[in-house]
PDB file of N, CA and C in Angstrom:
ATOM      1  N   MET A   1       0.844  -1.167   0.000  1.00  0.00           N
ATOM      2  CA  MET A   1       0.000   0.000   0.000  1.00  0.00           C
ATOM      3  C   MET A   1       0.892   1.234   0.000  1.00  0.00           C
ATOM      4  N   SER A   2       0.534   2.172  -0.842  1.00  0.00           N
ATOM      5  CA  SER A   2       1.347   3.372  -0.961  1.00  0.00           C
ATOM      6  C   SER A   2       1.257   4.242   0.286  1.00  0.00           C
ATOM      7  N   PRO A   3       2.408   4.663   0.808  1.00  0.00           N
ATOM      8  CA  PRO A   3       2.399   5.613   1.918  1.00  0.00           C
ATOM      9  C   PRO A   3       2.231   7.053   1.430  1.00  0.00           C
ATOM     10  N   ILE A   4       2.217   7.223   0.112  1.00  0.00           N
ATOM     11  CA  ILE A   4       2.062   8.548  -0.486  1.00  0.00           C
ATOM     12  C   ILE A   4       0.675   8.615  -1.127  1.00  0.00           C
ATOM     13  N   VAL A   5      -0.096   9.606  -0.763  1.00  0.00           N
ATOM     14  CA  VAL A   5      -1.454   9.789  -1.283  1.00  0.00           C
ATOM     15  C   VAL A   5      -1.547  11.200  -1.852  1.00  0.00           C
ATOM     16  N   GLY A   6      -1.877  11.275  -3.125  1.00  0.00           N
ATOM     17  CA  GLY A   6      -1.999  12.587  -3.744  1.00  0.00           C
ATOM     18  C   GLY A   6      -0.710  13.385  -3.739  1.00  0.00           C
ATOM     19  N   GLY A   7       0.418  12.686  -3.805  1.00  0.00           N
ATOM     20  CA  GLY A   7       1.712  13.364  -3.862  1.00  0.00           C
ATOM     21  C   GLY A   7       2.304  13.780  -2.537  1.00  0.00           C
ATOM     22  N   ARG A   8       1.680  13.337  -1.438  1.00  0.00           N
ATOM     23  CA  ARG A   8       2.254  13.685  -0.134  1.00  0.00           C
ATOM     24  C   ARG A   8       2.031  12.553   0.863  1.00  0.00           C
ATOM     25  N   ALA A   9       2.887  12.519   1.859  1.00  0.00           N
ATOM     26  CA  ALA A   9       2.732  11.544   2.932  1.00  0.00           C
ATOM     27  C   ALA A   9       1.654  12.043   3.879  1.00  0.00           C
ATOM     28  N   LEU A  10       0.755  11.166   4.261  1.00  0.00           N
ATOM     29  CA  LEU A  10      -0.273  11.573   5.210  1.00  0.00           C
ATOM     30  C   LEU A  10       0.290  11.725   6.612  1.00  0.00           C
ATOM     31  N   LYS A  11       1.357  10.972   6.891  1.00  0.00           N
ATOM     32  CA  LYS A  11       1.961  10.994   8.214  1.00  0.00           C
ATOM     33  C   LYS A  11       3.402  10.531   8.086  1.00  0.00           C
ATOM     34  N   GLY A  12       4.273  11.139   8.823  1.00  0.00           N
ATOM     35  CA  GLY A  12       5.649  10.689   8.859  1.00  0.00           C
ATOM     36  C   GLY A  12       6.519  11.262   7.753  1.00  0.00           C
ATOM     37  N   PRO A  13       7.771  10.785   7.692  1.00  0.00           N
ATOM     38  CA  PRO A  13       8.773  11.374   6.816  1.00  0.00           C
ATOM     39  C   PRO A  13       8.910  10.729   5.435  1.00  0.00           C
ATOM     40  N   ALA A  14       7.952   9.916   5.008  1.00  0.00           N
ATOM     41  CA  ALA A  14       8.115   9.176   3.755  1.00  0.00           C
ATOM     42  C   ALA A  14       8.407  10.084   2.563  1.00  0.00           C
ATOM     43  N   ALA A  15       7.667  11.171   2.414  1.00  0.00           N
ATOM     44  CA  ALA A  15       7.870  12.065   1.269  1.00  0.00           C
ATOM     45  C   ALA A  15       9.262  12.688   1.299  1.00  0.00           C
ATOM     46  N   ALA A  16       9.669  13.164   2.454  1.00  0.00           N
ATOM     47  CA  ALA A  16      10.993  13.779   2.580  1.00  0.00           C
ATOM     48  C   ALA A  16      12.095  12.766   2.295  1.00  0.00           C
ATOM     49  N   MET A  17      11.923  11.557   2.785  1.00  0.00           N
ATOM     50  CA  MET A  17      12.938  10.519   2.564  1.00  0.00           C
ATOM     51  C   MET A  17      13.019  10.143   1.089  1.00  0.00           C
ATOM     52  N   LEU A  18      11.884   9.976   0.435  1.00  0.00           N
ATOM     53  CA  LEU A  18      11.898   9.653  -0.995  1.00  0.00           C
ATOM     54  C   LEU A  18      12.619  10.733  -1.784  1.00  0.00           C
ATOM     55  N   GLY A  19      12.256  11.971  -1.531  1.00  0.00           N
ATOM     56  CA  GLY A  19      12.888  13.086  -2.234  1.00  0.00           C
ATOM     57  C   GLY A  19      14.377  13.162  -1.974  1.00  0.00           C
ATOM     58  N   ALA A  20      14.784  12.955  -0.725  1.00  0.00           N
ATOM     59  CA  ALA A  20      16.201  13.020  -0.367  1.00  0.00           C
ATOM     60  C   ALA A  20      17.017  11.927  -1.053  1.00  0.00           C
ATOM     61  N   MET A  21      16.369  10.797  -1.334  1.00  0.00           N
ATOM     62  CA  MET A  21      17.064   9.692  -2.006  1.00  0.00           C
ATOM     63  C   MET A  21      16.963   9.788  -3.529  1.00  0.00           C
ATOM     64  N   GLY A  22      16.329  10.856  -4.019  1.00  0.00           N
ATOM     65  CA  GLY A  22      16.249  11.073  -5.449  1.00  0.00           C
ATOM     66  C   GLY A  22      15.103  10.363  -6.145  1.00  0.00           C
ATOM     67  N   HIS A  23      14.144   9.876  -5.381  1.00  0.00           N
ATOM     68  CA  HIS A  23      12.994   9.194  -5.963  1.00  0.00           C
ATOM     69  C   HIS A  23      11.834  10.173  -6.141  1.00  0.00           C
ATOM     70  N   GLU A  24      10.974   9.873  -7.090  1.00  0.00           N
ATOM     71  CA  GLU A  24       9.770  10.660  -7.309  1.00  0.00           C
ATOM     72  C   GLU A  24       8.873  10.540  -6.080  1.00  0.00           C
ATOM     73  N   VAL A  25       8.394  11.661  -5.578  1.00  0.00           N
ATOM     74  CA  VAL A  25       7.508  11.659  -4.420  1.00  0.00           C
ATOM     75  C   VAL A  25       6.072  11.497  -4.919  1.00  0.00           C
ATOM     76  N   SER A  26       5.708  10.249  -5.130  1.00  0.00           N
ATOM     77  CA  SER A  26       4.358   9.909  -5.590  1.00  0.00           C
ATOM     78  C   SER A  26       4.130   8.433  -5.307  1.00  0.00           C
ATOM     79  N   ALA A  27       2.883   8.027  -5.435  1.00  0.00           N
ATOM     80  CA  ALA A  27       2.574   6.606  -5.284  1.00  0.00           C
ATOM     81  C   ALA A  27       3.313   5.793  -6.339  1.00  0.00           C
ATOM     82  N   LEU A  28       3.480   6.346  -7.539  1.00  0.00           N
ATOM     83  CA  LEU A  28       4.224   5.647  -8.584  1.00  0.00           C
ATOM     84  C   LEU A  28       5.703   5.544  -8.239  1.00  0.00           C
ATOM     85  N   GLY A  29       6.254   6.590  -7.644  1.00  0.00           N
ATOM     86  CA  GLY A  29       7.655   6.539  -7.207  1.00  0.00           C
ATOM     87  C   GLY A  29       7.890   5.407  -6.221  1.00  0.00           C
ATOM     88  N   VAL A  30       6.956   5.209  -5.310  1.00  0.00           N
ATOM     89  CA  VAL A  30       7.061   4.112  -4.347  1.00  0.00           C
ATOM     90  C   VAL A  30       6.874   2.771  -5.064  1.00  0.00           C
ATOM     91  N   ALA A  31       5.917   2.705  -5.978  1.00  0.00           N
ATOM     92  CA  ALA A  31       5.664   1.465  -6.713  1.00  0.00           C
ATOM     93  C   ALA A  31       6.919   1.016  -7.462  1.00  0.00           C
ATOM     94  N   ARG A  32       7.658   1.951  -8.006  1.00  0.00           N
ATOM     95  CA  ARG A  32       8.898   1.595  -8.720  1.00  0.00           C
ATOM     96  C   ARG A  32       9.883   0.875  -7.794  1.00  0.00           C
ATOM     97  N   LEU A  33       9.872   1.233  -6.517  1.00  0.00           N
ATOM     98  CA  LEU A  33      10.765   0.579  -5.555  1.00  0.00           C
ATOM     99  C   LEU A  33      10.330  -0.855  -5.258  1.00  0.00           C
ATOM    100  N   TYR A  34       9.049  -1.136  -5.428  1.00  0.00           N
ATOM    101  CA  TYR A  34       8.513  -2.467  -5.157  1.00  0.00           C
ATOM    102  C   TYR A  34       8.413  -3.348  -6.396  1.00  0.00           C
ATOM    103  N   ALA A  35       8.714  -2.805  -7.556  1.00  0.00           N
ATOM    104  CA  ALA A  35       8.640  -3.583  -8.793  1.00  0.00           C
ATOM    105  C   ALA A  35       9.529  -4.821  -8.672  1.00  0.00           C
ATOM    106  N   GLY A  36       8.971  -5.968  -8.994  1.00  0.00           N
ATOM    107  CA  GLY A  36       9.695  -7.228  -8.881  1.00  0.00           C
ATOM    108  C   GLY A  36       9.590  -7.866  -7.505  1.00  0.00           C
ATOM    109  N   LEU A  37       9.057  -7.153  -6.542  1.00  0.00           N
ATOM    110  CA  LEU A  37       8.928  -7.672  -5.178  1.00  0.00           C
ATOM    111  C   LEU A  37       7.484  -7.927  -4.783  1.00  0.00           C
ATOM    112  N   ALA A  38       6.559  -7.151  -5.352  1.00  0.00           N
ATOM    113  CA  ALA A  38       5.144  -7.260  -4.981  1.00  0.00           C
ATOM    114  C   ALA A  38       4.315  -7.627  -6.207  1.00  0.00           C
ATOM    115  N   ASP A  39       3.246  -8.360  -5.974  1.00  0.00           N
ATOM    116  CA  ASP A  39       2.323  -8.729  -7.052  1.00  0.00           C
ATOM    117  C   ASP A  39       1.174  -7.736  -7.175  1.00  0.00           C
ATOM    118  N   VAL A  40       0.791  -7.130  -6.048  1.00  0.00           N
ATOM    119  CA  VAL A  40      -0.329  -6.196  -6.008  1.00  0.00           C
ATOM    120  C   VAL A  40       0.145  -4.932  -5.293  1.00  0.00           C
ATOM    121  N   TYR A  41      -0.226  -3.791  -5.842  1.00  0.00           N
ATOM    122  CA  TYR A  41       0.125  -2.507  -5.229  1.00  0.00           C
ATOM    123  C   TYR A  41      -1.166  -1.728  -5.025  1.00  0.00           C
ATOM    124  N   VAL A  42      -1.348  -1.202  -3.831  1.00  0.00           N
ATOM    125  CA  VAL A  42      -2.592  -0.521  -3.470  1.00  0.00           C
ATOM    126  C   VAL A  42      -2.406   0.985  -3.595  1.00  0.00           C
ATOM    127  N   LEU A  43      -3.295   1.585  -4.384  1.00  0.00           N
ATOM    128  CA  LEU A  43      -3.292   3.025  -4.610  1.00  0.00           C
ATOM    129  C   LEU A  43      -4.567   3.637  -4.038  1.00  0.00           C
ATOM    130  N   ASP A  44      -4.458   4.834  -3.535  1.00  0.00           N
ATOM    131  CA  ASP A  44      -5.649   5.554  -3.105  1.00  0.00           C
ATOM    132  C   ASP A  44      -6.423   6.027  -4.330  1.00  0.00           C
ATOM    133  N   ASP A  45      -7.727   6.207  -4.157  1.00  0.00           N
ATOM    134  CA  ASP A  45      -8.582   6.707  -5.242  1.00  0.00           C
ATOM    135  C   ASP A  45      -8.022   7.975  -5.880  1.00  0.00           C
ATOM    136  N   SER A  46      -7.411   8.831  -5.072  1.00  0.00           N
ATOM    137  CA  SER A  46      -6.893  10.098  -5.604  1.00  0.00           C
ATOM    138  C   SER A  46      -5.728   9.889  -6.566  1.00  0.00           C
ATOM    139  N   ASP A  47      -5.131   8.712  -6.543  1.00  0.00           N
ATOM    140  CA  ASP A  47      -4.017   8.385  -7.440  1.00  0.00           C
ATOM    141  C   ASP A  47      -4.422   7.380  -8.522  1.00  0.00           C
ATOM    142  N   ARG A  48      -5.709   7.275  -8.755  1.00  0.00           N
ATOM    143  CA  ARG A  48      -6.256   6.331  -9.746  1.00  0.00           C
ATOM    144  C   ARG A  48      -5.556   6.460 -11.100  1.00  0.00           C
ATOM    145  N   HIS A  49      -5.231   7.673 -11.490  1.00  0.00           N
ATOM    146  CA  HIS A  49      -4.605   7.911 -12.792  1.00  0.00           C
ATOM    147  C   HIS A  49      -3.237   7.227 -12.929  1.00  0.00           C
ATOM    148  N   LEU A  50      -2.628   6.814 -11.812  1.00  0.00           N
ATOM    149  CA  LEU A  50      -1.328   6.148 -11.839  1.00  0.00           C
ATOM    150  C   LEU A  50      -1.433   4.639 -12.023  1.00  0.00           C
ATOM    151  N   ALA A  51      -2.632   4.090 -11.945  1.00  0.00           N
ATOM    152  CA  ALA A  51      -2.813   2.633 -12.020  1.00  0.00           C
ATOM    153  C   ALA A  51      -2.219   2.023 -13.287  1.00  0.00           C
ATOM    154  N   PRO A  52      -2.416   2.596 -14.480  1.00  0.00           N
ATOM    155  CA  PRO A  52      -1.817   1.979 -15.673  1.00  0.00           C
ATOM    156  C   PRO A  52      -0.282   1.920 -15.605  1.00  0.00           C
ATOM    157  N   ALA A  53       0.340   2.953 -15.059  1.00  0.00           N
ATOM    158  CA  ALA A  53       1.803   2.957 -14.938  1.00  0.00           C
ATOM    159  C   ALA A  53       2.272   1.910 -13.934  1.00  0.00           C
ATOM    160  N   VAL A  54       1.515   1.716 -12.854  1.00  0.00           N
ATOM    161  CA  VAL A  54       1.847   0.671 -11.874  1.00  0.00           C
ATOM    162  C   VAL A  54       1.747  -0.706 -12.543  1.00  0.00           C
ATOM    163  N   GLU A  55       0.695  -0.902 -13.312  1.00  0.00           N
ATOM    164  CA  GLU A  55       0.525  -2.183 -13.999  1.00  0.00           C
ATOM    165  C   GLU A  55       1.622  -2.416 -15.028  1.00  0.00           C
ATOM    166  N   ASP A  56       2.130  -1.349 -15.639  1.00  0.00           N
ATOM    167  CA  ASP A  56       3.263  -1.475 -16.560  1.00  0.00           C
ATOM    168  C   ASP A  56       4.516  -1.969 -15.852  1.00  0.00           C
ATOM    169  N   LEU A  57       4.572  -1.790 -14.536  1.00  0.00           N
ATOM    170  CA  LEU A  57       5.704  -2.281 -13.735  1.00  0.00           C
ATOM    171  C   LEU A  57       5.570  -3.765 -13.396  1.00  0.00           C
ATOM    172  N   GLY A  58       4.442  -4.368 -13.767  1.00  0.00           N
ATOM    173  CA  GLY A  58       4.245  -5.793 -13.524  1.00  0.00           C
ATOM    174  C   GLY A  58       3.437  -6.127 -12.288  1.00  0.00           C
ATOM    175  N   MET A  59       2.800  -5.138 -11.705  1.00  0.00           N
ATOM    176  CA  MET A  59       1.979  -5.374 -10.524  1.00  0.00           C
ATOM    177  C   MET A  59       0.518  -5.085 -10.856  1.00  0.00           C
ATOM    178  N   ALA A  60      -0.377  -5.813 -10.226  1.00  0.00           N
ATOM    179  CA  ALA A  60      -1.787  -5.468 -10.309  1.00  0.00           C
ATOM    180  C   ALA A  60      -2.001  -4.230  -9.452  1.00  0.00           C
ATOM    181  N   ALA A  61      -2.814  -3.305  -9.922  1.00  0.00           N
ATOM    182  CA  ALA A  61      -3.104  -2.090  -9.161  1.00  0.00           C
ATOM    183  C   ALA A  61      -4.492  -2.214  -8.548  1.00  0.00           C
ATOM    184  N   LEU A  62      -4.558  -2.162  -7.232  1.00  0.00           N
ATOM    185  CA  LEU A  62      -5.826  -2.135  -6.515  1.00  0.00           C
ATOM    186  C   LEU A  62      -6.076  -0.692  -6.117  1.00  0.00           C
ATOM    187  N   VAL A  63      -7.124  -0.102  -6.653  1.00  0.00           N
ATOM    188  CA  VAL A  63      -7.448   1.293  -6.364  1.00  0.00           C
ATOM    189  C   VAL A  63      -8.654   1.321  -5.429  1.00  0.00           C
ATOM    190  N   THR A  64      -8.475   1.983  -4.301  1.00  0.00           N
ATOM    191  CA  THR A  64      -9.538   2.046  -3.294  1.00  0.00           C
ATOM    192  C   THR A  64      -9.308   3.258  -2.389  1.00  0.00           C
ATOM    193  N   ARG A  65     -10.206   3.450  -1.456  1.00  0.00           N
ATOM    194  CA  ARG A  65     -10.014   4.505  -0.451  1.00  0.00           C
ATOM    195  C   ARG A  65      -9.067   3.961   0.618  1.00  0.00           C
ATOM    196  N   THR A  66      -7.872   4.517   0.702  1.00  0.00           N
ATOM    197  CA  THR A  66      -6.899   4.030   1.681  1.00  0.00           C
ATOM    198  C   THR A  66      -6.870   4.870   2.945  1.00  0.00           C
ATOM    199  N   VAL A  67      -7.402   6.076   2.893  1.00  0.00           N
ATOM    200  CA  VAL A  67      -7.425   6.934   4.072  1.00  0.00           C
ATOM    201  C   VAL A  67      -8.589   6.482   4.946  1.00  0.00           C
ATOM    202  N   MET A  68      -8.246   6.080   6.150  1.00  0.00           N
ATOM    203  CA  MET A  68      -9.247   5.488   7.037  1.00  0.00           C
ATOM    204  C   MET A  68      -9.700   6.495   8.083  1.00  0.00           C
ATOM    205  N   GLY A  69     -11.027   6.623   8.218  1.00  0.00           N
ATOM    206  CA  GLY A  69     -11.584   7.572   9.167  1.00  0.00           C
ATOM    207  C   GLY A  69     -12.159   6.934  10.415  1.00  0.00           C
ATOM    208  N   GLY A  70     -12.191   5.623  10.461  1.00  0.00           N
ATOM    209  CA  GLY A  70     -12.765   4.966  11.632  1.00  0.00           C
ATOM    210  C   GLY A  70     -12.758   3.464  11.457  1.00  0.00           C
ATOM    211  N   PRO A  71     -13.360   2.764  12.415  1.00  0.00           N
ATOM    212  CA  PRO A  71     -13.351   1.300  12.383  1.00  0.00           C
ATOM    213  C   PRO A  71     -13.970   0.705  11.126  1.00  0.00           C
ATOM    214  N   GLU A  72     -15.017   1.326  10.618  1.00  0.00           N
ATOM    215  CA  GLU A  72     -15.661   0.789   9.420  1.00  0.00           C
ATOM    216  C   GLU A  72     -14.721   0.850   8.218  1.00  0.00           C
ATOM    217  N   ASP A  73     -13.988   1.960   8.100  1.00  0.00           N
ATOM    218  CA  ASP A  73     -13.022   2.093   7.006  1.00  0.00           C
ATOM    219  C   ASP A  73     -11.895   1.076   7.147  1.00  0.00           C
ATOM    220  N   ARG A  74     -11.423   0.865   8.360  1.00  0.00           N
ATOM    221  CA  ARG A  74     -10.342  -0.100   8.580  1.00  0.00           C
ATOM    222  C   ARG A  74     -10.794  -1.505   8.193  1.00  0.00           C
ATOM    223  N   GLU A  75     -12.006  -1.865   8.590  1.00  0.00           N
ATOM    224  CA  GLU A  75     -12.523  -3.192   8.250  1.00  0.00           C
ATOM    225  C   GLU A  75     -12.721  -3.337   6.741  1.00  0.00           C
ATOM    226  N   ARG A  76     -13.277  -2.319   6.106  1.00  0.00           N
ATOM    227  CA  ARG A  76     -13.489  -2.360   4.656  1.00  0.00           C
ATOM    228  C   ARG A  76     -12.171  -2.553   3.921  1.00  0.00           C
ATOM    229  N   LEU A  77     -11.176  -1.752   4.303  1.00  0.00           N
ATOM    230  CA  LEU A  77      -9.883  -1.846   3.645  1.00  0.00           C
ATOM    231  C   LEU A  77      -9.231  -3.195   3.880  1.00  0.00           C
ATOM    232  N   ALA A  78      -9.298  -3.694   5.086  1.00  0.00           N
ATOM    233  CA  ALA A  78      -8.722  -5.005   5.384  1.00  0.00           C
ATOM    234  C   ALA A  78      -9.375  -6.088   4.530  1.00  0.00           C
ATOM    235  N   ARG A  79     -10.677  -6.043   4.400  1.00  0.00           N
ATOM    236  CA  ARG A  79     -11.375  -7.033   3.574  1.00  0.00           C
ATOM    237  C   ARG A  79     -10.963  -6.935   2.098  1.00  0.00           C
ATOM    238  N   GLU A  80     -10.822  -5.707   1.602  1.00  0.00           N
ATOM    239  CA  GLU A  80     -10.401  -5.527   0.217  1.00  0.00           C
ATOM    240  C   GLU A  80      -8.983  -6.057  -0.005  1.00  0.00           C
ATOM    241  N   LEU A  81      -8.110  -5.814   0.945  1.00  0.00           N
ATOM    242  CA  LEU A  81      -6.739  -6.291   0.827  1.00  0.00           C
ATOM    243  C   LEU A  81      -6.670  -7.810   0.868  1.00  0.00           C
ATOM    244  N   LEU A  82      -7.425  -8.410   1.763  1.00  0.00           N
ATOM    245  CA  LEU A  82      -7.434  -9.874   1.837  1.00  0.00           C
ATOM    246  C   LEU A  82      -8.004 -10.496   0.559  1.00  0.00           C
ATOM    247  N   ALA A  83      -8.986  -9.853  -0.028  1.00  0.00           N
ATOM    248  CA  ALA A  83      -9.591 -10.372  -1.261  1.00  0.00           C
ATOM    249  C   ALA A  83      -8.629 -10.257  -2.440  1.00  0.00           C
ATOM    250  N   ALA A  84      -7.743  -9.256  -2.398  1.00  0.00           N
ATOM    251  CA  ALA A  84      -6.794  -9.059  -3.494  1.00  0.00           C
ATOM    252  C   ALA A  84      -5.691 -10.096  -3.424  1.00  0.00           C
TER     253      ALA A  84
END
């Protein structure tokens, strides 16, 4: 699951670290780091436009709401991830 949503980290230093290491600060930039390691990559709805590029890297792109606002969102996301 991408720690970058809409071009920024929701929490923590992920965006700053990616930029400092010379990587693109985006969900696609993170996906490039996982190419060859992961079969499925989870993108937030706001990054839906990046799904074809993720799939070009050899991973299935699961696009969903990744920002969780409460227990219902956490359960929904967990179920979607398990199904993928």
